[in-house]
N, C-alpha and C. Protein backbone atom coordinates (compact mmCIF):
# COMPACT_ATOMS: atom_id res chain seq x y z
N MET A 1 -24.17 -41.67 19.07
CA MET A 1 -23.38 -40.50 19.34
C MET A 1 -24.13 -39.62 20.34
N TRP A 2 -23.38 -39.06 21.26
CA TRP A 2 -23.93 -38.12 22.23
C TRP A 2 -23.06 -36.88 22.20
N GLY A 3 -23.68 -35.71 22.25
CA GLY A 3 -22.90 -34.48 22.20
C GLY A 3 -23.50 -33.40 23.06
N ALA A 4 -22.70 -32.39 23.31
CA ALA A 4 -23.14 -31.25 24.11
C ALA A 4 -22.71 -29.96 23.41
N ILE A 5 -23.52 -28.94 23.59
CA ILE A 5 -23.25 -27.64 23.00
C ILE A 5 -23.19 -26.61 24.11
N GLY A 6 -22.16 -25.80 24.07
CA GLY A 6 -22.01 -24.71 25.03
C GLY A 6 -22.31 -23.38 24.37
N ILE A 7 -22.23 -22.34 25.14
CA ILE A 7 -22.52 -21.01 24.64
C ILE A 7 -21.59 -20.62 23.48
N ASP A 8 -20.40 -21.21 23.46
CA ASP A 8 -19.44 -20.87 22.42
C ASP A 8 -19.19 -22.00 21.42
N GLY A 9 -20.15 -22.95 21.34
CA GLY A 9 -20.04 -24.01 20.34
C GLY A 9 -20.04 -25.40 20.94
N ILE A 10 -19.57 -26.36 20.16
CA ILE A 10 -19.55 -27.76 20.58
C ILE A 10 -18.59 -27.94 21.74
N VAL A 11 -19.08 -28.59 22.78
CA VAL A 11 -18.25 -28.87 23.95
C VAL A 11 -17.62 -30.24 23.83
N GLY A 12 -18.41 -31.22 23.47
CA GLY A 12 -17.86 -32.56 23.36
C GLY A 12 -18.79 -33.48 22.60
N ILE A 13 -18.20 -34.47 21.99
CA ILE A 13 -18.95 -35.50 21.29
C ILE A 13 -18.40 -36.84 21.77
N HIS A 14 -19.31 -37.73 22.08
CA HIS A 14 -18.91 -39.05 22.55
C HIS A 14 -19.61 -40.08 21.67
N VAL A 15 -18.84 -40.95 21.04
CA VAL A 15 -19.37 -41.98 20.17
C VAL A 15 -19.36 -43.31 20.92
N PHE A 16 -20.46 -44.04 20.86
CA PHE A 16 -20.58 -45.32 21.54
C PHE A 16 -21.39 -46.27 20.67
N GLN A 17 -21.34 -47.54 21.01
CA GLN A 17 -22.14 -48.54 20.30
C GLN A 17 -23.25 -49.02 21.21
N GLY A 18 -24.38 -49.35 20.63
CA GLY A 18 -25.52 -49.83 21.41
C GLY A 18 -26.45 -48.68 21.74
N ASN A 19 -27.41 -48.98 22.59
CA ASN A 19 -28.40 -47.97 23.00
C ASN A 19 -27.90 -47.19 24.20
N LEU A 20 -28.32 -45.96 24.27
CA LEU A 20 -27.98 -45.12 25.42
C LEU A 20 -28.94 -45.46 26.55
N ASN A 21 -28.37 -45.87 27.68
CA ASN A 21 -29.16 -46.14 28.88
C ASN A 21 -28.57 -45.33 30.03
N ALA A 22 -29.17 -45.42 31.19
CA ALA A 22 -28.73 -44.60 32.33
C ALA A 22 -27.28 -44.88 32.74
N PRO A 23 -26.84 -46.14 32.86
CA PRO A 23 -25.43 -46.36 33.21
C PRO A 23 -24.46 -45.82 32.17
N ARG A 24 -24.79 -45.96 30.90
CA ARG A 24 -23.91 -45.43 29.85
C ARG A 24 -23.93 -43.90 29.87
N PHE A 25 -25.08 -43.29 30.13
CA PHE A 25 -25.17 -41.85 30.23
C PHE A 25 -24.29 -41.34 31.37
N LYS A 26 -24.34 -42.01 32.52
CA LYS A 26 -23.48 -41.63 33.64
C LYS A 26 -22.01 -41.72 33.25
N ALA A 27 -21.63 -42.78 32.55
CA ALA A 27 -20.24 -42.95 32.12
C ALA A 27 -19.81 -41.82 31.18
N ILE A 28 -20.70 -41.41 30.29
CA ILE A 28 -20.39 -40.31 29.38
C ILE A 28 -20.19 -39.02 30.17
N LEU A 29 -21.08 -38.77 31.13
CA LEU A 29 -20.92 -37.59 31.98
C LEU A 29 -19.58 -37.61 32.69
N LYS A 30 -19.26 -38.75 33.28
CA LYS A 30 -18.04 -38.88 34.10
C LYS A 30 -16.77 -38.81 33.26
N ASP A 31 -16.74 -39.54 32.17
CA ASP A 31 -15.51 -39.69 31.40
C ASP A 31 -15.33 -38.65 30.30
N SER A 32 -16.40 -38.02 29.88
CA SER A 32 -16.32 -37.13 28.73
C SER A 32 -16.80 -35.72 29.04
N LEU A 33 -18.08 -35.57 29.33
CA LEU A 33 -18.65 -34.23 29.45
C LEU A 33 -18.06 -33.41 30.59
N ILE A 34 -18.14 -33.91 31.80
CA ILE A 34 -17.73 -33.10 32.96
C ILE A 34 -16.27 -32.69 32.89
N PRO A 35 -15.33 -33.59 32.56
CA PRO A 35 -13.94 -33.13 32.45
C PRO A 35 -13.75 -32.05 31.38
N GLN A 36 -14.41 -32.23 30.23
CA GLN A 36 -14.26 -31.25 29.15
C GLN A 36 -14.84 -29.90 29.53
N VAL A 37 -16.02 -29.90 30.13
CA VAL A 37 -16.68 -28.65 30.49
C VAL A 37 -15.93 -27.96 31.63
N ASN A 38 -15.47 -28.73 32.61
CA ASN A 38 -14.70 -28.13 33.70
C ASN A 38 -13.42 -27.49 33.18
N ASP A 39 -12.76 -28.14 32.24
CA ASP A 39 -11.55 -27.57 31.65
C ASP A 39 -11.85 -26.29 30.88
N ARG A 40 -12.98 -26.28 30.22
CA ARG A 40 -13.32 -25.15 29.36
C ARG A 40 -13.86 -23.94 30.12
N TYR A 41 -14.75 -24.21 31.09
CA TYR A 41 -15.45 -23.11 31.77
C TYR A 41 -15.08 -22.96 33.25
N GLY A 42 -14.47 -23.97 33.83
CA GLY A 42 -14.13 -23.94 35.24
C GLY A 42 -15.14 -24.73 36.06
N LYS A 43 -14.66 -25.49 37.00
CA LYS A 43 -15.53 -26.31 37.84
C LYS A 43 -16.47 -25.43 38.65
N GLY A 44 -17.74 -25.80 38.64
CA GLY A 44 -18.73 -25.09 39.42
C GLY A 44 -19.24 -23.81 38.80
N THR A 45 -18.88 -23.53 37.54
CA THR A 45 -19.30 -22.27 36.90
C THR A 45 -20.29 -22.49 35.76
N TRP A 46 -20.80 -23.70 35.61
CA TRP A 46 -21.68 -24.00 34.49
C TRP A 46 -22.86 -24.82 34.98
N SER A 47 -23.90 -24.90 34.15
CA SER A 47 -25.05 -25.74 34.46
C SER A 47 -25.35 -26.63 33.27
N LEU A 48 -26.00 -27.74 33.54
CA LEU A 48 -26.35 -28.71 32.51
C LEU A 48 -27.84 -28.63 32.26
N ALA A 49 -28.23 -28.35 31.03
CA ALA A 49 -29.63 -28.32 30.64
C ALA A 49 -29.92 -29.59 29.85
N GLN A 50 -30.99 -30.27 30.24
CA GLN A 50 -31.37 -31.48 29.53
C GLN A 50 -32.88 -31.63 29.57
N ASP A 51 -33.38 -32.56 28.76
CA ASP A 51 -34.83 -32.76 28.74
C ASP A 51 -35.22 -33.78 29.82
N ASN A 52 -36.45 -34.16 29.81
CA ASN A 52 -37.02 -35.02 30.85
C ASN A 52 -36.92 -36.51 30.49
N ASP A 53 -35.96 -36.87 29.68
CA ASP A 53 -35.78 -38.26 29.26
C ASP A 53 -35.56 -39.15 30.48
N PRO A 54 -36.10 -40.37 30.49
CA PRO A 54 -35.93 -41.26 31.65
C PRO A 54 -34.48 -41.51 32.04
N LYS A 55 -33.58 -41.61 31.09
CA LYS A 55 -32.16 -41.84 31.47
C LYS A 55 -31.54 -40.61 32.12
N HIS A 56 -32.05 -39.42 31.80
CA HIS A 56 -31.59 -38.20 32.46
C HIS A 56 -32.12 -38.14 33.89
N ARG A 57 -33.34 -38.63 34.11
CA ARG A 57 -33.97 -38.61 35.43
C ARG A 57 -33.56 -39.78 36.31
N ALA A 58 -32.91 -40.78 35.73
CA ALA A 58 -32.55 -41.99 36.48
C ALA A 58 -31.70 -41.65 37.70
N SER A 59 -31.92 -42.38 38.77
CA SER A 59 -31.20 -42.08 40.02
C SER A 59 -29.69 -42.20 39.86
N ILE A 60 -29.22 -43.14 39.04
CA ILE A 60 -27.77 -43.29 38.85
C ILE A 60 -27.17 -42.02 38.26
N ALA A 61 -27.87 -41.38 37.32
CA ALA A 61 -27.38 -40.14 36.70
C ALA A 61 -27.57 -38.96 37.65
N GLN A 62 -28.73 -38.85 38.27
CA GLN A 62 -29.01 -37.75 39.18
C GLN A 62 -28.07 -37.74 40.38
N ASN A 63 -27.86 -38.90 40.97
CA ASN A 63 -26.96 -38.99 42.13
C ASN A 63 -25.53 -38.63 41.74
N PHE A 64 -25.09 -39.08 40.57
CA PHE A 64 -23.75 -38.73 40.13
C PHE A 64 -23.60 -37.22 39.93
N LEU A 65 -24.58 -36.61 39.28
CA LEU A 65 -24.53 -35.17 39.06
C LEU A 65 -24.50 -34.41 40.38
N LYS A 66 -25.23 -34.88 41.38
CA LYS A 66 -25.19 -34.23 42.70
C LYS A 66 -23.80 -34.33 43.32
N THR A 67 -23.15 -35.49 43.19
CA THR A 67 -21.80 -35.63 43.76
C THR A 67 -20.80 -34.71 43.08
N GLN A 68 -21.06 -34.39 41.82
CA GLN A 68 -20.18 -33.50 41.06
C GLN A 68 -20.58 -32.04 41.21
N LYS A 69 -21.64 -31.80 41.95
CA LYS A 69 -22.15 -30.44 42.20
C LYS A 69 -22.49 -29.70 40.90
N VAL A 70 -23.10 -30.44 39.97
CA VAL A 70 -23.53 -29.85 38.70
C VAL A 70 -24.91 -29.25 38.88
N LEU A 71 -25.06 -27.97 38.54
CA LEU A 71 -26.36 -27.32 38.57
C LEU A 71 -27.14 -27.82 37.38
N LEU A 72 -28.33 -28.34 37.66
CA LEU A 72 -29.11 -28.99 36.63
C LEU A 72 -30.35 -28.18 36.29
N LYS A 73 -30.61 -28.05 34.99
CA LYS A 73 -31.84 -27.40 34.50
C LYS A 73 -32.52 -28.40 33.61
N ILE A 74 -33.78 -28.71 33.94
CA ILE A 74 -34.54 -29.70 33.17
C ILE A 74 -35.65 -29.00 32.42
N PHE A 75 -35.75 -29.30 31.14
CA PHE A 75 -36.78 -28.76 30.29
C PHE A 75 -37.73 -29.88 29.91
N PHE A 76 -39.01 -29.66 30.07
CA PHE A 76 -40.01 -30.71 29.79
C PHE A 76 -40.50 -30.63 28.40
């Protein structure tokens, strides 16, 4: 299970089978998180905070987030 929390509570939960890897993380961002957050807060008005996990830093995820113009905050 993967989930996100916004300032006003749970934004989205995505349930999947298997291990979370960079391609699956990108798919969750694309199909679940970004559409839900854009609907809730408006496109371009929010930022994504995440830790320094390798799948978060992976080029497939980073490049996708750049194409979506998501402001990224990384916590170590």
